[in-house]
Amino acid sequence: MTEVEIEYCVPCGMLGRAQDIQQDILEEFGEEVDRVALVTGDAGVFEVRANDEVVFDKEADEFDRAAIVDGVRSHVGATA
């Protein structure tokens, strides 16, 4: 099953954005994912990982909720 982590910068106030992504992933995939965890961070971090692979990094990618969900999609149901 798929494990997703959303690491977000606490001092930057990115909790709301992280929660939005978490909700989108859970609504799209439901029980097909084991967990969607929020991970606190700092230094401006906002990164989404599925099965330890980065699918979104704000340093390299434009923020697009649908694109992030699509990035997770390729990991849902994949076997390790």
C-alpha atoms as a PDB file:
ATOM      1  CA  MET A   1       0.000   0.000   0.000  1.00  0.00           C
ATOM      2  CA  THR A   2       0.980   3.611  -0.401  1.00  0.00           C
ATOM      3  CA  GLU A   3       2.323   5.877   2.314  1.00  0.00           C
ATOM      4  CA  VAL A   4       2.300   9.610   1.678  1.00  0.00           C
ATOM      5  CA  GLU A   5       4.124  12.257   3.691  1.00  0.00           C
ATOM      6  CA  ILE A   6       3.534  15.973   3.357  1.00  0.00           C
ATOM      7  CA  GLU A   7       6.378  17.919   4.951  1.00  0.00           C
ATOM      8  CA  TYR A   8       5.569  21.583   5.465  1.00  0.00           C
ATOM      9  CA  CYS A   9       7.208  24.627   7.006  1.00  0.00           C
ATOM     10  CA  VAL A  10       5.564  25.462  10.333  1.00  0.00           C
ATOM     11  CA  PRO A  11       7.040  28.974  10.737  1.00  0.00           C
ATOM     12  CA  CYS A  12       5.935  29.840   7.184  1.00  0.00           C
ATOM     13  CA  GLY A  13       2.306  29.032   7.993  1.00  0.00           C
ATOM     14  CA  MET A  14       1.936  26.234   5.426  1.00  0.00           C
ATOM     15  CA  LEU A  15      -0.276  24.003   7.577  1.00  0.00           C
ATOM     16  CA  GLY A  16      -3.451  24.961   5.671  1.00  0.00           C
ATOM     17  CA  ARG A  17      -1.875  24.141   2.314  1.00  0.00           C
ATOM     18  CA  ALA A  18      -0.629  20.795   3.674  1.00  0.00           C
ATOM     19  CA  GLN A  19      -4.094  19.971   5.016  1.00  0.00           C
ATOM     20  CA  ASP A  20      -5.668  20.815   1.642  1.00  0.00           C
ATOM     21  CA  ILE A  21      -3.330  18.373  -0.129  1.00  0.00           C
ATOM     22  CA  GLN A  22      -3.950  15.741   2.544  1.00  0.00           C
ATOM     23  CA  GLN A  23      -7.715  16.090   2.070  1.00  0.00           C
ATOM     24  CA  ASP A  24      -7.438  15.924  -1.741  1.00  0.00           C
ATOM     25  CA  ILE A  25      -5.385  12.720  -1.560  1.00  0.00           C
ATOM     26  CA  LEU A  26      -7.724  11.071   0.944  1.00  0.00           C
ATOM     27  CA  GLU A  27     -10.817  12.036  -1.056  1.00  0.00           C
ATOM     28  CA  GLU A  28      -9.278  10.731  -4.294  1.00  0.00           C
ATOM     29  CA  PHE A  29      -7.805   7.462  -3.024  1.00  0.00           C
ATOM     30  CA  GLY A  30      -9.563   6.706   0.273  1.00  0.00           C
ATOM     31  CA  GLU A  31      -8.626   3.273   1.587  1.00  0.00           C
ATOM     32  CA  GLU A  32      -6.157   2.715  -1.271  1.00  0.00           C
ATOM     33  CA  VAL A  33      -3.514   4.552   0.789  1.00  0.00           C
ATOM     34  CA  ASP A  34      -2.199   3.368   4.162  1.00  0.00           C
ATOM     35  CA  ARG A  35      -1.620   6.857   5.477  1.00  0.00           C
ATOM     36  CA  VAL A  36      -1.254  10.486   4.546  1.00  0.00           C
ATOM     37  CA  ALA A  37       0.932  12.013   7.236  1.00  0.00           C
ATOM     38  CA  LEU A  38       1.683  15.641   7.944  1.00  0.00           C
ATOM     39  CA  VAL A  39       5.346  16.122   8.881  1.00  0.00           C
ATOM     40  CA  THR A  40       6.464  19.370  10.486  1.00  0.00           C
ATOM     41  CA  GLY A  41       9.488  21.132   9.063  1.00  0.00           C
ATOM     42  CA  ASP A  42      11.098  24.538   8.701  1.00  0.00           C
ATOM     43  CA  ALA A  43      13.316  26.539   6.354  1.00  0.00           C
ATOM     44  CA  GLY A  44      10.518  26.973   3.816  1.00  0.00           C
ATOM     45  CA  VAL A  45      10.097  23.270   3.081  1.00  0.00           C
ATOM     46  CA  PHE A  46       6.987  21.980   1.324  1.00  0.00           C
ATOM     47  CA  GLU A  47       7.487  18.515  -0.081  1.00  0.00           C
ATOM     48  CA  VAL A  48       5.142  15.623  -0.854  1.00  0.00           C
ATOM     49  CA  ARG A  49       6.542  12.087  -0.890  1.00  0.00           C
ATOM     50  CA  ALA A  50       4.817   8.851  -1.874  1.00  0.00           C
ATOM     51  CA  ASN A  51       6.588   5.679  -0.754  1.00  0.00           C
ATOM     52  CA  ASP A  52       9.683   7.816  -0.016  1.00  0.00           C
ATOM     53  CA  GLU A  53       9.808   9.224  -3.582  1.00  0.00           C
ATOM     54  CA  VAL A  54       9.402  12.983  -3.985  1.00  0.00           C
ATOM     55  CA  VAL A  55       6.353  13.790  -6.120  1.00  0.00           C
ATOM     56  CA  PHE A  56       6.329  17.527  -5.326  1.00  0.00           C
ATOM     57  CA  ASP A  57       8.946  19.962  -4.038  1.00  0.00           C
ATOM     58  CA  LYS A  58       8.078  23.649  -3.937  1.00  0.00           C
ATOM     59  CA  GLU A  59      11.693  24.478  -4.795  1.00  0.00           C
ATOM     60  CA  ALA A  60      11.367  22.736  -8.174  1.00  0.00           C
ATOM     61  CA  ASP A  61       7.643  22.557  -8.982  1.00  0.00           C
ATOM     62  CA  GLU A  62       4.758  24.980  -9.337  1.00  0.00           C
ATOM     63  CA  PHE A  63       2.060  24.426  -6.695  1.00  0.00           C
ATOM     64  CA  ASP A  64      -0.870  22.687  -8.376  1.00  0.00           C
ATOM     65  CA  ARG A  65      -3.117  20.550  -6.202  1.00  0.00           C
ATOM     66  CA  ALA A  66      -4.361  18.384  -9.087  1.00  0.00           C
ATOM     67  CA  ALA A  67      -0.809  17.770 -10.324  1.00  0.00           C
ATOM     68  CA  ILE A  68       0.294  16.715  -6.839  1.00  0.00           C
ATOM     69  CA  VAL A  69      -2.595  14.222  -6.593  1.00  0.00           C
ATOM     70  CA  ASP A  70      -1.659  12.914 -10.055  1.00  0.00           C
ATOM     71  CA  GLY A  71       1.922  12.500  -8.867  1.00  0.00           C
ATOM     72  CA  VAL A  72       0.715  10.340  -5.991  1.00  0.00           C
ATOM     73  CA  ARG A  73      -1.554   8.335  -8.342  1.00  0.00           C
ATOM     74  CA  SER A  74       1.359   6.480  -9.954  1.00  0.00           C
ATOM     75  CA  HIS A  75       2.276   5.082  -6.527  1.00  0.00           C
ATOM     76  CA  VAL A  76      -1.197   3.958  -5.478  1.00  0.00           C
ATOM     77  CA  GLY A  77      -1.508   0.231  -5.872  1.00  0.00           C
ATOM     78  CA  ALA A  78       2.150  -0.150  -6.856  1.00  0.00           C
ATOM     79  CA  THR A  79       3.987  -2.961  -5.153  1.00  0.00           C
ATOM     80  CA  ALA A  80       7.437  -2.541  -3.707  1.00  0.00           C
END
